[in-house]
Amino acid sequence: MGMSNWILDNEEQFWNKADEVIGECEAFEEFVGKMKPHTDLLMGSPSECENDIDFENMMSDAWSEKWSKYY
C-alpha cells in the first residue's frame, strides 16, 4: 500500500468515526470535542485543517449536513 492510500484510508476512518459519533451528540460542541482526538487521522489528507477554526468549520458542515435531513 502506498503512502497515498494510507492517507486516504486514515481520512476515511476519520469520517466513519464522525458518522458514528455525530448521532450520539446532543450539541455541536460535544461533537467537536469527541472528534478532536481523531484529527491525527487527517494528517496529509485533503481534509487536514490548519487550525481549530478550520476544524470547527469542517465539523459544522458535517453537523449541518447530518441534522438538515431531520428539519
N, C-alpha and C. Protein backbone atom coordinates (compact mmCIF):
# COMPACT_ATOMS: atom_id res chain seq x y z
N MET A 1 0.84 -1.16 0.00
CA MET A 1 0.00 0.00 0.00
C MET A 1 0.89 1.23 0.00
N GLY A 2 0.62 2.14 -0.90
CA GLY A 2 1.40 3.36 -0.97
C GLY A 2 0.99 4.35 0.10
N MET A 3 1.81 5.36 0.27
CA MET A 3 1.54 6.39 1.27
C MET A 3 0.21 7.09 1.00
N SER A 4 -0.08 7.32 -0.27
CA SER A 4 -1.33 7.98 -0.64
C SER A 4 -2.54 7.17 -0.17
N ASN A 5 -2.50 5.87 -0.38
CA ASN A 5 -3.60 5.02 0.05
C ASN A 5 -3.75 5.03 1.57
N TRP A 6 -2.63 5.04 2.27
CA TRP A 6 -2.65 5.07 3.73
C TRP A 6 -3.30 6.36 4.22
N ILE A 7 -2.96 7.48 3.62
CA ILE A 7 -3.53 8.77 4.00
C ILE A 7 -5.03 8.78 3.74
N LEU A 8 -5.44 8.30 2.58
CA LEU A 8 -6.86 8.28 2.25
C LEU A 8 -7.63 7.30 3.13
N ASP A 9 -7.02 6.18 3.48
CA ASP A 9 -7.67 5.23 4.40
C ASP A 9 -7.86 5.86 5.77
N ASN A 10 -6.86 6.60 6.24
CA ASN A 10 -6.99 7.28 7.53
C ASN A 10 -8.09 8.33 7.49
N GLU A 11 -8.17 9.06 6.40
CA GLU A 11 -9.21 10.07 6.26
C GLU A 11 -10.59 9.40 6.29
N GLU A 12 -10.71 8.28 5.61
CA GLU A 12 -11.97 7.54 5.60
C GLU A 12 -12.32 7.06 7.01
N GLN A 13 -11.33 6.62 7.77
CA GLN A 13 -11.55 6.21 9.16
C GLN A 13 -12.08 7.39 9.99
N PHE A 14 -11.53 8.56 9.76
CA PHE A 14 -11.98 9.75 10.48
C PHE A 14 -13.46 10.01 10.20
N TRP A 15 -13.83 10.00 8.93
CA TRP A 15 -15.22 10.31 8.57
C TRP A 15 -16.18 9.20 9.00
N ASN A 16 -15.72 7.96 9.00
CA ASN A 16 -16.55 6.87 9.54
C ASN A 16 -16.80 7.08 11.03
N LYS A 17 -15.75 7.47 11.74
CA LYS A 17 -15.88 7.76 13.17
C LYS A 17 -16.84 8.93 13.38
N ALA A 18 -16.72 9.96 12.57
CA ALA A 18 -17.60 11.12 12.68
C ALA A 18 -19.05 10.71 12.48
N ASP A 19 -19.31 9.82 11.52
CA ASP A 19 -20.66 9.33 11.28
C ASP A 19 -21.21 8.57 12.48
N GLU A 20 -20.35 7.83 13.16
CA GLU A 20 -20.76 7.09 14.36
C GLU A 20 -21.06 8.05 15.51
N VAL A 21 -20.18 8.99 15.73
CA VAL A 21 -20.24 9.88 16.88
C VAL A 21 -21.34 10.92 16.78
N ILE A 22 -21.59 11.42 15.60
CA ILE A 22 -22.50 12.55 15.43
C ILE A 22 -23.90 12.27 15.97
N GLY A 23 -24.37 11.05 15.80
CA GLY A 23 -25.70 10.70 16.29
C GLY A 23 -25.80 10.58 17.80
N GLU A 24 -24.65 10.46 18.45
CA GLU A 24 -24.62 10.33 19.91
C GLU A 24 -24.56 11.69 20.60
N CYS A 25 -24.34 12.74 19.86
CA CYS A 25 -24.10 14.06 20.44
C CYS A 25 -25.37 14.91 20.41
N GLU A 26 -25.63 15.56 21.54
CA GLU A 26 -26.79 16.44 21.64
C GLU A 26 -26.46 17.86 21.22
N ALA A 27 -25.19 18.21 21.23
CA ALA A 27 -24.79 19.57 20.88
C ALA A 27 -23.56 19.52 19.98
N PHE A 28 -23.44 20.55 19.17
CA PHE A 28 -22.31 20.66 18.24
C PHE A 28 -20.98 20.63 18.98
N GLU A 29 -20.89 21.35 20.08
CA GLU A 29 -19.65 21.42 20.85
C GLU A 29 -19.22 20.04 21.34
N GLU A 30 -20.18 19.22 21.70
CA GLU A 30 -19.89 17.85 22.13
C GLU A 30 -19.29 17.04 20.97
N PHE A 31 -19.87 17.21 19.79
CA PHE A 31 -19.38 16.54 18.59
C PHE A 31 -17.93 16.94 18.30
N VAL A 32 -17.66 18.24 18.32
CA VAL A 32 -16.30 18.72 18.07
C VAL A 32 -15.34 18.14 19.10
N GLY A 33 -15.74 18.14 20.36
CA GLY A 33 -14.89 17.62 21.43
C GLY A 33 -14.57 16.15 21.28
N LYS A 34 -15.55 15.38 20.80
CA LYS A 34 -15.33 13.94 20.62
C LYS A 34 -14.49 13.64 19.38
N MET A 35 -14.51 14.52 18.40
CA MET A 35 -13.75 14.28 17.16
C MET A 35 -12.33 14.85 17.22
N LYS A 36 -12.10 15.81 18.08
CA LYS A 36 -10.78 16.45 18.18
C LYS A 36 -9.65 15.45 18.39
N PRO A 37 -9.82 14.43 19.25
CA PRO A 37 -8.72 13.47 19.44
C PRO A 37 -8.38 12.64 18.19
N HIS A 38 -9.23 12.69 17.19
CA HIS A 38 -9.02 11.87 15.99
C HIS A 38 -8.43 12.66 14.82
N THR A 39 -8.04 13.90 15.07
CA THR A 39 -7.52 14.74 13.97
C THR A 39 -6.23 14.19 13.38
N ASP A 40 -5.52 13.35 14.12
CA ASP A 40 -4.29 12.76 13.58
C ASP A 40 -4.57 11.92 12.34
N LEU A 41 -5.79 11.41 12.22
CA LEU A 41 -6.16 10.62 11.05
C LEU A 41 -6.23 11.47 9.77
N LEU A 42 -6.27 12.77 9.93
CA LEU A 42 -6.38 13.66 8.77
C LEU A 42 -5.04 14.16 8.26
N MET A 43 -3.97 13.82 8.94
CA MET A 43 -2.65 14.33 8.54
C MET A 43 -2.31 13.95 7.10
N GLY A 44 -2.01 14.97 6.31
CA GLY A 44 -1.64 14.76 4.92
C GLY A 44 -2.80 14.62 3.96
N SER A 45 -4.02 14.60 4.48
CA SER A 45 -5.20 14.41 3.62
C SER A 45 -5.77 15.76 3.18
N PRO A 46 -6.65 15.73 2.19
CA PRO A 46 -7.31 16.96 1.76
C PRO A 46 -8.15 17.59 2.87
N SER A 47 -8.58 16.80 3.85
CA SER A 47 -9.41 17.31 4.94
C SER A 47 -8.60 17.85 6.12
N GLU A 48 -7.28 17.76 6.05
CA GLU A 48 -6.45 18.24 7.15
C GLU A 48 -6.68 19.75 7.34
N CYS A 49 -6.87 20.15 8.59
CA CYS A 49 -7.13 21.55 8.91
C CYS A 49 -5.88 22.22 9.46
N GLU A 50 -5.72 23.48 9.12
CA GLU A 50 -4.54 24.23 9.57
C GLU A 50 -4.69 24.74 10.99
N ASN A 51 -5.94 24.91 11.46
CA ASN A 51 -6.15 25.45 12.80
C ASN A 51 -7.51 25.00 13.34
N ASP A 52 -7.78 25.37 14.57
CA ASP A 52 -9.03 24.96 15.23
C ASP A 52 -10.26 25.55 14.55
N ILE A 53 -10.14 26.75 14.05
CA ILE A 53 -11.29 27.37 13.38
C ILE A 53 -11.67 26.60 12.13
N ASP A 54 -10.67 26.23 11.33
CA ASP A 54 -10.94 25.43 10.13
C ASP A 54 -11.56 24.09 10.51
N PHE A 55 -11.05 23.48 11.59
CA PHE A 55 -11.60 22.19 12.03
C PHE A 55 -13.06 22.35 12.45
N GLU A 56 -13.35 23.39 13.22
CA GLU A 56 -14.73 23.61 13.66
C GLU A 56 -15.64 23.90 12.47
N ASN A 57 -15.15 24.63 11.49
CA ASN A 57 -15.95 24.88 10.28
C ASN A 57 -16.25 23.59 9.53
N MET A 58 -15.25 22.73 9.42
CA MET A 58 -15.45 21.44 8.75
C MET A 58 -16.45 20.59 9.51
N MET A 59 -16.34 20.58 10.83
CA MET A 59 -17.27 19.81 11.66
C MET A 59 -18.67 20.42 11.60
N SER A 60 -18.74 21.74 11.48
CA SER A 60 -20.03 22.41 11.36
C SER A 60 -20.74 21.99 10.08
N ASP A 61 -19.99 21.87 9.00
CA ASP A 61 -20.57 21.40 7.74
C ASP A 61 -21.13 19.99 7.89
N ALA A 62 -20.37 19.12 8.55
CA ALA A 62 -20.83 17.74 8.76
C ALA A 62 -22.07 17.72 9.65
N TRP A 63 -22.06 18.54 10.71
CA TRP A 63 -23.19 18.63 11.64
C TRP A 63 -24.45 19.10 10.91
N SER A 64 -24.30 20.15 10.12
CA SER A 64 -25.43 20.71 9.37
C SER A 64 -25.98 19.71 8.37
N GLU A 65 -25.07 19.02 7.68
CA GLU A 65 -25.50 18.03 6.69
C GLU A 65 -26.28 16.90 7.36
N LYS A 66 -25.79 16.43 8.49
CA LYS A 66 -26.46 15.33 9.20
C LYS A 66 -27.85 15.74 9.67
N TRP A 67 -27.95 16.85 10.36
CA TRP A 67 -29.21 17.22 11.01
C TRP A 67 -30.17 17.92 10.08
N SER A 68 -29.73 18.41 8.92
CA SER A 68 -30.65 19.04 7.98
C SER A 68 -31.65 18.04 7.42
N LYS A 69 -31.31 16.78 7.48
CA LYS A 69 -32.21 15.73 6.99
C LYS A 69 -33.43 15.58 7.87
N TYR A 70 -33.36 16.11 9.10
CA TYR A 70 -34.43 15.92 10.06
C TYR A 70 -35.25 17.17 10.31
N TYR A 71 -34.87 18.28 9.65
CA TYR A 71 -35.61 19.53 9.86
C TYR A 71 -36.21 20.03 8.59
